[in-house]
Amino acid sequence: MKIAKTESMMTIKNSSALGIILGIVFTIVGILILMKVSSFAGVPTWVGYIFLIGILVILFVKSVNITIDKSTSTITVSSKSIVKKS
């Protein structure tokens, strides 16, 4: 979490770097296990689940920004992810 302050504005940024790193690790582990297996017919279903969890974590992890502006008396909250921005 990062906090930046000026005289009339404060910004709080919360990025989910850990979530992205975990998603990448799960995805790589799933791919490496698939590469080790000689035929796809004998691949256990848990390998597919590891790969799927990694992809879903990467897609749906969010980064949240909160901006508080005293001069205009506004609070702005925005969240971003690869799939959706709001």
PDB file of N, CA and C in Angstrom:
ATOM      1  N   MET A   1       0.848  -1.163   0.000  1.00  0.00           N
ATOM      2  CA  MET A   1       0.000   0.000   0.000  1.00  0.00           C
ATOM      3  C   MET A   1       0.900   1.234   0.000  1.00  0.00           C
ATOM      4  N   LYS A   2       0.582   2.161  -0.888  1.00  0.00           N
ATOM      5  CA  LYS A   2       1.327   3.413  -0.969  1.00  0.00           C
ATOM      6  C   LYS A   2       0.386   4.571  -0.687  1.00  0.00           C
ATOM      7  N   ILE A   3       0.865   5.527   0.100  1.00  0.00           N
ATOM      8  CA  ILE A   3       0.085   6.719   0.416  1.00  0.00           C
ATOM      9  C   ILE A   3       0.879   7.937  -0.030  1.00  0.00           C
ATOM     10  N   ALA A   4       0.244   8.763  -0.858  1.00  0.00           N
ATOM     11  CA  ALA A   4       0.869  10.004  -1.319  1.00  0.00           C
ATOM     12  C   ALA A   4      -0.018  11.167  -0.866  1.00  0.00           C
ATOM     13  N   LYS A   5       0.599  12.163  -0.227  1.00  0.00           N
ATOM     14  CA  LYS A   5      -0.157  13.309   0.287  1.00  0.00           C
ATOM     15  C   LYS A   5       0.381  14.604  -0.285  1.00  0.00           C
ATOM     16  N   THR A   6      -0.538  15.511  -0.598  1.00  0.00           N
ATOM     17  CA  THR A   6      -0.219  16.898  -0.875  1.00  0.00           C
ATOM     18  C   THR A   6      -1.075  17.729   0.075  1.00  0.00           C
ATOM     19  N   GLU A   7      -1.048  19.027  -0.099  1.00  0.00           N
ATOM     20  CA  GLU A   7      -1.799  19.882   0.816  1.00  0.00           C
ATOM     21  C   GLU A   7      -3.309  19.663   0.712  1.00  0.00           C
ATOM     22  N   SER A   8      -3.802  19.441  -0.491  1.00  0.00           N
ATOM     23  CA  SER A   8      -5.251  19.309  -0.655  1.00  0.00           C
ATOM     24  C   SER A   8      -5.694  17.932  -1.137  1.00  0.00           C
ATOM     25  N   MET A   9      -4.755  17.001  -1.338  1.00  0.00           N
ATOM     26  CA  MET A   9      -5.132  15.711  -1.890  1.00  0.00           C
ATOM     27  C   MET A   9      -4.341  14.578  -1.232  1.00  0.00           C
ATOM     28  N   MET A  10      -5.013  13.449  -1.050  1.00  0.00           N
ATOM     29  CA  MET A  10      -4.348  12.252  -0.559  1.00  0.00           C
ATOM     30  C   MET A  10      -4.746  11.086  -1.456  1.00  0.00           C
ATOM     31  N   THR A  11      -3.752  10.282  -1.867  1.00  0.00           N
ATOM     32  CA  THR A  11      -3.998   9.137  -2.733  1.00  0.00           C
ATOM     33  C   THR A  11      -3.475   7.881  -2.050  1.00  0.00           C
ATOM     34  N   ILE A  12      -4.330   6.855  -2.001  1.00  0.00           N
ATOM     35  CA  ILE A  12      -3.957   5.561  -1.432  1.00  0.00           C
ATOM     36  C   ILE A  12      -4.028   4.545  -2.563  1.00  0.00           C
ATOM     37  N   LYS A  13      -2.913   3.862  -2.814  1.00  0.00           N
ATOM     38  CA  LYS A  13      -2.849   2.864  -3.875  1.00  0.00           C
ATOM     39  C   LYS A  13      -2.551   1.509  -3.249  1.00  0.00           C
ATOM     40  N   ASN A  14      -3.403   0.546  -3.541  1.00  0.00           N
ATOM     41  CA  ASN A  14      -3.217  -0.812  -3.038  1.00  0.00           C
ATOM     42  C   ASN A  14      -3.140  -1.745  -4.243  1.00  0.00           C
ATOM     43  N   SER A  15      -1.944  -2.185  -4.565  1.00  0.00           N
ATOM     44  CA  SER A  15      -1.796  -3.093  -5.701  1.00  0.00           C
ATOM     45  C   SER A  15      -1.646  -4.517  -5.187  1.00  0.00           C
ATOM     46  N   SER A  16      -2.078  -5.455  -5.976  1.00  0.00           N
ATOM     47  CA  SER A  16      -2.068  -6.857  -5.580  1.00  0.00           C
ATOM     48  C   SER A  16      -0.957  -7.605  -6.298  1.00  0.00           C
ATOM     49  N   ALA A  17       0.270  -7.207  -6.061  1.00  0.00           N
ATOM     50  CA  ALA A  17       1.404  -7.857  -6.709  1.00  0.00           C
ATOM     51  C   ALA A  17       1.539  -9.309  -6.252  1.00  0.00           C
ATOM     52  N   LEU A  18       1.242  -9.578  -4.992  1.00  0.00           N
ATOM     53  CA  LEU A  18       1.346 -10.938  -4.481  1.00  0.00           C
ATOM     54  C   LEU A  18       0.363 -11.868  -5.200  1.00  0.00           C
ATOM     55  N   GLY A  19      -0.834 -11.391  -5.460  1.00  0.00           N
ATOM     56  CA  GLY A  19      -1.817 -12.206  -6.175  1.00  0.00           C
ATOM     57  C   GLY A  19      -1.373 -12.540  -7.581  1.00  0.00           C
ATOM     58  N   ILE A  20      -0.794 -11.566  -8.267  1.00  0.00           N
ATOM     59  CA  ILE A  20      -0.299 -11.809  -9.623  1.00  0.00           C
ATOM     60  C   ILE A  20       0.862 -12.795  -9.594  1.00  0.00           C
ATOM     61  N   ILE A  21       1.757 -12.641  -8.629  1.00  0.00           N
ATOM     62  CA  ILE A  21       2.900 -13.563  -8.520  1.00  0.00           C
ATOM     63  C   ILE A  21       2.418 -14.984  -8.242  1.00  0.00           C
ATOM     64  N   LEU A  22       1.458 -15.140  -7.323  1.00  0.00           N
ATOM     65  CA  LEU A  22       0.916 -16.473  -7.043  1.00  0.00           C
ATOM     66  C   LEU A  22       0.233 -17.075  -8.265  1.00  0.00           C
ATOM     67  N   GLY A  23      -0.493 -16.260  -9.005  1.00  0.00           N
ATOM     68  CA  GLY A  23      -1.137 -16.748 -10.224  1.00  0.00           C
ATOM     69  C   GLY A  23      -0.129 -17.230 -11.247  1.00  0.00           C
ATOM     70  N   ILE A  24       0.951 -16.481 -11.409  1.00  0.00           N
ATOM     71  CA  ILE A  24       1.998 -16.881 -12.358  1.00  0.00           C
ATOM     72  C   ILE A  24       2.662 -18.173 -11.898  1.00  0.00           C
ATOM     73  N   VAL A  25       2.917 -18.300 -10.590  1.00  0.00           N
ATOM     74  CA  VAL A  25       3.542 -19.522 -10.064  1.00  0.00           C
ATOM     75  C   VAL A  25       2.644 -20.734 -10.306  1.00  0.00           C
ATOM     76  N   PHE A  26       1.352 -20.610 -10.003  1.00  0.00           N
ATOM     77  CA  PHE A  26       0.423 -21.721 -10.229  1.00  0.00           C
ATOM     78  C   PHE A  26       0.374 -22.099 -11.709  1.00  0.00           C
ATOM     79  N   THR A  27       0.346 -21.097 -12.585  1.00  0.00           N
ATOM     80  CA  THR A  27       0.290 -21.366 -14.021  1.00  0.00           C
ATOM     81  C   THR A  27       1.555 -22.075 -14.493  1.00  0.00           C
ATOM     82  N   ILE A  28       2.717 -21.614 -14.056  1.00  0.00           N
ATOM     83  CA  ILE A  28       3.983 -22.230 -14.469  1.00  0.00           C
ATOM     84  C   ILE A  28       4.085 -23.659 -13.943  1.00  0.00           C
ATOM     85  N   VAL A  29       3.693 -23.867 -12.678  1.00  0.00           N
ATOM     86  CA  VAL A  29       3.732 -25.220 -12.118  1.00  0.00           C
ATOM     87  C   VAL A  29       2.813 -26.153 -12.901  1.00  0.00           C
ATOM     88  N   GLY A  30       1.629 -25.688 -13.241  1.00  0.00           N
ATOM     89  CA  GLY A  30       0.711 -26.510 -14.043  1.00  0.00           C
ATOM     90  C   GLY A  30       1.293 -26.859 -15.396  1.00  0.00           C
ATOM     91  N   ILE A  31       1.929 -25.890 -16.060  1.00  0.00           N
ATOM     92  CA  ILE A  31       2.536 -26.140 -17.378  1.00  0.00           C
ATOM     93  C   ILE A  31       3.720 -27.094 -17.250  1.00  0.00           C
ATOM     94  N   LEU A  32       4.560 -26.906 -16.224  1.00  0.00           N
ATOM     95  CA  LEU A  32       5.711 -27.795 -16.052  1.00  0.00           C
ATOM     96  C   LEU A  32       5.282 -29.230 -15.775  1.00  0.00           C
ATOM     97  N   ILE A  33       4.253 -29.413 -14.984  1.00  0.00           N
ATOM     98  CA  ILE A  33       3.767 -30.766 -14.730  1.00  0.00           C
ATOM     99  C   ILE A  33       3.209 -31.379 -16.007  1.00  0.00           C
ATOM    100  N   LEU A  34       2.494 -30.581 -16.796  1.00  0.00           N
ATOM    101  CA  LEU A  34       1.969 -31.091 -18.072  1.00  0.00           C
ATOM    102  C   LEU A  34       3.101 -31.474 -19.016  1.00  0.00           C
ATOM    103  N   MET A  35       4.206 -30.738 -19.011  1.00  0.00           N
ATOM    104  CA  MET A  35       5.331 -31.045 -19.892  1.00  0.00           C
ATOM    105  C   MET A  35       6.049 -32.318 -19.446  1.00  0.00           C
ATOM    106  N   LYS A  36       6.046 -32.602 -18.141  1.00  0.00           N
ATOM    107  CA  LYS A  36       6.693 -33.807 -17.630  1.00  0.00           C
ATOM    108  C   LYS A  36       5.910 -35.074 -17.991  1.00  0.00           C
ATOM    109  N   VAL A  37       4.597 -34.952 -18.077  1.00  0.00           N
ATOM    110  CA  VAL A  37       3.753 -36.116 -18.363  1.00  0.00           C
ATOM    111  C   VAL A  37       3.872 -36.432 -19.849  1.00  0.00           C
ATOM    112  N   SER A  38       4.090 -37.715 -20.168  1.00  0.00           N
ATOM    113  CA  SER A  38       4.335 -38.079 -21.565  1.00  0.00           C
ATOM    114  C   SER A  38       3.066 -38.065 -22.410  1.00  0.00           C
ATOM    115  N   SER A  39       1.941 -38.446 -21.851  1.00  0.00           N
ATOM    116  CA  SER A  39       0.696 -38.404 -22.633  1.00  0.00           C
ATOM    117  C   SER A  39      -0.355 -37.640 -21.829  1.00  0.00           C
ATOM    118  N   PHE A  40      -1.191 -36.912 -22.530  1.00  0.00           N
ATOM    119  CA  PHE A  40      -2.215 -36.115 -21.860  1.00  0.00           C
ATOM    120  C   PHE A  40      -3.357 -36.965 -21.334  1.00  0.00           C
ATOM    121  N   ALA A  41      -3.462 -38.212 -21.774  1.00  0.00           N
ATOM    122  CA  ALA A  41      -4.550 -39.075 -21.321  1.00  0.00           C
ATOM    123  C   ALA A  41      -4.388 -39.431 -19.843  1.00  0.00           C
ATOM    124  N   GLY A  42      -3.157 -39.522 -19.362  1.00  0.00           N
ATOM    125  CA  GLY A  42      -2.925 -39.909 -17.979  1.00  0.00           C
ATOM    126  C   GLY A  42      -2.741 -38.739 -17.035  1.00  0.00           C
ATOM    127  N   VAL A  43      -3.069 -37.536 -17.468  1.00  0.00           N
ATOM    128  CA  VAL A  43      -2.874 -36.349 -16.627  1.00  0.00           C
ATOM    129  C   VAL A  43      -3.944 -36.324 -15.532  1.00  0.00           C
ATOM    130  N   PRO A  44      -3.514 -36.241 -14.287  1.00  0.00           N
ATOM    131  CA  PRO A  44      -4.499 -36.154 -13.193  1.00  0.00           C
ATOM    132  C   PRO A  44      -5.287 -34.847 -13.286  1.00  0.00           C
ATOM    133  N   THR A  45      -6.500 -34.869 -12.783  1.00  0.00           N
ATOM    134  CA  THR A  45      -7.342 -33.667 -12.873  1.00  0.00           C
ATOM    135  C   THR A  45      -6.810 -32.536 -11.998  1.00  0.00           C
ATOM    136  N   TRP A  46      -6.058 -32.845 -10.928  1.00  0.00           N
ATOM    137  CA  TRP A  46      -5.566 -31.779 -10.056  1.00  0.00           C
ATOM    138  C   TRP A  46      -4.561 -30.893 -10.772  1.00  0.00           C
ATOM    139  N   VAL A  47      -3.870 -31.438 -11.799  1.00  0.00           N
ATOM    140  CA  VAL A  47      -2.941 -30.613 -12.585  1.00  0.00           C
ATOM    141  C   VAL A  47      -3.727 -29.549 -13.344  1.00  0.00           C
ATOM    142  N   GLY A  48      -4.840 -29.946 -13.902  1.00  0.00           N
ATOM    143  CA  GLY A  48      -5.708 -28.986 -14.588  1.00  0.00           C
ATOM    144  C   GLY A  48      -6.238 -27.928 -13.641  1.00  0.00           C
ATOM    145  N   TYR A  49      -6.550 -28.342 -12.418  1.00  0.00           N
ATOM    146  CA  TYR A  49      -7.034 -27.389 -11.422  1.00  0.00           C
ATOM    147  C   TYR A  49      -5.954 -26.384 -11.035  1.00  0.00           C
ATOM    148  N   ILE A  50      -4.717 -26.834 -10.891  1.00  0.00           N
ATOM    149  CA  ILE A  50      -3.609 -25.923 -10.570  1.00  0.00           C
ATOM    150  C   ILE A  50      -3.465 -24.869 -11.673  1.00  0.00           C
ATOM    151  N   PHE A  51      -3.477 -25.324 -12.923  1.00  0.00           N
ATOM    152  CA  PHE A  51      -3.353 -24.410 -14.060  1.00  0.00           C
ATOM    153  C   PHE A  51      -4.525 -23.430 -14.096  1.00  0.00           C
ATOM    154  N   LEU A  52      -5.743 -23.932 -13.904  1.00  0.00           N
ATOM    155  CA  LEU A  52      -6.940 -23.095 -13.941  1.00  0.00           C
ATOM    156  C   LEU A  52      -6.933 -22.065 -12.812  1.00  0.00           C
ATOM    157  N   ILE A  53      -6.528 -22.461 -11.614  1.00  0.00           N
ATOM    158  CA  ILE A  53      -6.460 -21.525 -10.486  1.00  0.00           C
ATOM    159  C   ILE A  53      -5.471 -20.404 -10.796  1.00  0.00           C
ATOM    160  N   GLY A  54      -4.326 -20.750 -11.375  1.00  0.00           N
ATOM    161  CA  GLY A  54      -3.339 -19.735 -11.731  1.00  0.00           C
ATOM    162  C   GLY A  54      -3.875 -18.719 -12.713  1.00  0.00           C
ATOM    163  N   ILE A  55      -4.545 -19.202 -13.757  1.00  0.00           N
ATOM    164  CA  ILE A  55      -5.116 -18.290 -14.760  1.00  0.00           C
ATOM    165  C   ILE A  55      -6.199 -17.409 -14.136  1.00  0.00           C
ATOM    166  N   LEU A  56      -7.073 -17.995 -13.326  1.00  0.00           N
ATOM    167  CA  LEU A  56      -8.152 -17.212 -12.716  1.00  0.00           C
ATOM    168  C   LEU A  56      -7.617 -16.151 -11.753  1.00  0.00           C
ATOM    169  N   VAL A  57      -6.590 -16.488 -10.988  1.00  0.00           N
ATOM    170  CA  VAL A  57      -6.012 -15.506 -10.062  1.00  0.00           C
ATOM    171  C   VAL A  57      -5.421 -14.337 -10.836  1.00  0.00           C
ATOM    172  N   ILE A  58      -4.712 -14.625 -11.917  1.00  0.00           N
ATOM    173  CA  ILE A  58      -4.128 -13.547 -12.724  1.00  0.00           C
ATOM    174  C   ILE A  58      -5.221 -12.656 -13.309  1.00  0.00           C
ATOM    175  N   LEU A  59      -6.310 -13.249 -13.768  1.00  0.00           N
ATOM    176  CA  LEU A  59      -7.372 -12.475 -14.414  1.00  0.00           C
ATOM    177  C   LEU A  59      -8.181 -11.634 -13.428  1.00  0.00           C
ATOM    178  N   PHE A  60      -8.412 -12.128 -12.220  1.00  0.00           N
ATOM    179  CA  PHE A  60      -9.357 -11.467 -11.333  1.00  0.00           C
ATOM    180  C   PHE A  60      -8.739 -10.741 -10.141  1.00  0.00           C
ATOM    181  N   VAL A  61      -7.408 -10.700 -10.024  1.00  0.00           N
ATOM    182  CA  VAL A  61      -6.792  -9.942  -8.941  1.00  0.00           C
ATOM    183  C   VAL A  61      -7.013  -8.443  -9.208  1.00  0.00           C
ATOM    184  N   LYS A  62      -7.289  -7.670  -8.150  1.00  0.00           N
ATOM    185  CA  LYS A  62      -7.644  -6.260  -8.316  1.00  0.00           C
ATOM    186  C   LYS A  62      -6.606  -5.339  -7.691  1.00  0.00           C
ATOM    187  N   SER A  63      -6.515  -4.164  -8.274  1.00  0.00           N
ATOM    188  CA  SER A  63      -5.711  -3.080  -7.745  1.00  0.00           C
ATOM    189  C   SER A  63      -6.672  -1.925  -7.437  1.00  0.00           C
ATOM    190  N   VAL A  64      -6.617  -1.412  -6.206  1.00  0.00           N
ATOM    191  CA  VAL A  64      -7.576  -0.392  -5.774  1.00  0.00           C
ATOM    192  C   VAL A  64      -6.845   0.932  -5.528  1.00  0.00           C
ATOM    193  N   ASN A  65      -7.418   2.018  -6.047  1.00  0.00           N
ATOM    194  CA  ASN A  65      -6.898   3.366  -5.825  1.00  0.00           C
ATOM    195  C   ASN A  65      -7.997   4.216  -5.180  1.00  0.00           C
ATOM    196  N   ILE A  66      -7.641   4.909  -4.102  1.00  0.00           N
ATOM    197  CA  ILE A  66      -8.576   5.811  -3.426  1.00  0.00           C
ATOM    198  C   ILE A  66      -7.958   7.202  -3.433  1.00  0.00           C
ATOM    199  N   THR A  67      -8.714   8.176  -3.937  1.00  0.00           N
ATOM    200  CA  THR A  67      -8.244   9.559  -3.982  1.00  0.00           C
ATOM    201  C   THR A  67      -9.206  10.432  -3.187  1.00  0.00           C
ATOM    202  N   ILE A  68      -8.659  11.176  -2.235  1.00  0.00           N
ATOM    203  CA  ILE A  68      -9.450  12.105  -1.422  1.00  0.00           C
ATOM    204  C   ILE A  68      -8.963  13.508  -1.748  1.00  0.00           C
ATOM    205  N   ASP A  69      -9.880  14.327  -2.265  1.00  0.00           N
ATOM    206  CA  ASP A  69      -9.528  15.694  -2.676  1.00  0.00           C
ATOM    207  C   ASP A  69     -10.293  16.683  -1.806  1.00  0.00           C
ATOM    208  N   LYS A  70      -9.574  17.447  -0.983  1.00  0.00           N
ATOM    209  CA  LYS A  70     -10.213  18.431  -0.098  1.00  0.00           C
ATOM    210  C   LYS A  70     -10.776  19.618  -0.862  1.00  0.00           C
ATOM    211  N   SER A  71     -10.075  20.049  -1.905  1.00  0.00           N
ATOM    212  CA  SER A  71     -10.496  21.260  -2.611  1.00  0.00           C
ATOM    213  C   SER A  71     -11.850  21.084  -3.292  1.00  0.00           C
ATOM    214  N   THR A  72     -12.148  19.894  -3.774  1.00  0.00           N
ATOM    215  CA  THR A  72     -13.452  19.667  -4.416  1.00  0.00           C
ATOM    216  C   THR A  72     -14.375  18.825  -3.551  1.00  0.00           C
ATOM    217  N   SER A  73     -13.929  18.444  -2.364  1.00  0.00           N
ATOM    218  CA  SER A  73     -14.698  17.623  -1.419  1.00  0.00           C
ATOM    219  C   SER A  73     -15.198  16.332  -2.061  1.00  0.00           C
ATOM    220  N   THR A  74     -14.275  15.615  -2.691  1.00  0.00           N
ATOM    221  CA  THR A  74     -14.659  14.361  -3.341  1.00  0.00           C
ATOM    222  C   THR A  74     -13.749  13.214  -2.885  1.00  0.00           C
ATOM    223  N   ILE A  75     -14.330  12.044  -2.896  1.00  0.00           N
ATOM    224  CA  ILE A  75     -13.595  10.809  -2.663  1.00  0.00           C
ATOM    225  C   ILE A  75     -13.848   9.916  -3.870  1.00  0.00           C
ATOM    226  N   THR A  76     -12.774   9.483  -4.513  1.00  0.00           N
ATOM    227  CA  THR A  76     -12.892   8.651  -5.700  1.00  0.00           C
ATOM    228  C   THR A  76     -12.247   7.294  -5.412  1.00  0.00           C
ATOM    229  N   VAL A  77     -13.006   6.237  -5.651  1.00  0.00           N
ATOM    230  CA  VAL A  77     -12.500   4.878  -5.475  1.00  0.00           C
ATOM    231  C   VAL A  77     -12.558   4.191  -6.830  1.00  0.00           C
ATOM    232  N   SER A  78     -11.421   3.664  -7.270  1.00  0.00           N
ATOM    233  CA  SER A  78     -11.400   2.936  -8.544  1.00  0.00           C
ATOM    234  C   SER A  78     -10.640   1.635  -8.351  1.00  0.00           C
ATOM    235  N   SER A  79     -11.124   0.606  -9.013  1.00  0.00           N
ATOM    236  CA  SER A  79     -10.431  -0.690  -8.968  1.00  0.00           C
ATOM    237  C   SER A  79     -10.189  -1.161 -10.381  1.00  0.00           C
ATOM    238  N   LYS A  80      -9.053  -1.806 -10.579  1.00  0.00           N
ATOM    239  CA  LYS A  80      -8.683  -2.292 -11.899  1.00  0.00           C
ATOM    240  C   LYS A  80      -8.275  -3.750 -11.803  1.00  0.00           C
ATOM    241  N   SER A  81      -8.608  -4.484 -12.834  1.00  0.00           N
ATOM    242  CA  SER A  81      -8.100  -5.840 -13.000  1.00  0.00           C
ATOM    243  C   SER A  81      -7.923  -6.056 -14.503  1.00  0.00           C
ATOM    244  N   ILE A  82      -7.368  -7.174 -14.868  1.00  0.00           N
ATOM    245  CA  ILE A  82      -7.184  -7.446 -16.305  1.00  0.00           C
ATOM    246  C   ILE A  82      -8.530  -7.585 -16.988  1.00  0.00           C
ATOM    247  N   VAL A  83      -9.507  -8.154 -16.281  1.00  0.00           N
ATOM    248  CA  VAL A  83     -10.808  -8.413 -16.873  1.00  0.00           C
ATOM    249  C   VAL A  83     -11.730  -7.194 -16.830  1.00  0.00           C
ATOM    250  N   LYS A  84     -11.695  -6.423 -15.743  1.00  0.00           N
ATOM    251  CA  LYS A  84     -12.684  -5.378 -15.544  1.00  0.00           C
ATOM    252  C   LYS A  84     -12.053  -4.132 -14.924  1.00  0.00           C
ATOM    253  N   LYS A  85     -12.528  -2.980 -15.338  1.00  0.00           N
ATOM    254  CA  LYS A  85     -12.103  -1.715 -14.740  1.00  0.00           C
ATOM    255  C   LYS A  85     -13.348  -0.980 -14.257  1.00  0.00           C
ATOM    256  N   SER A  86     -13.335  -0.537 -12.992  1.00  0.00           N
ATOM    257  CA  SER A  86     -14.502   0.196 -12.477  1.00  0.00           C
ATOM    258  C   SER A  86     -14.063   1.365 -11.623  1.00  0.00           C
TER     259      SER A  86
END
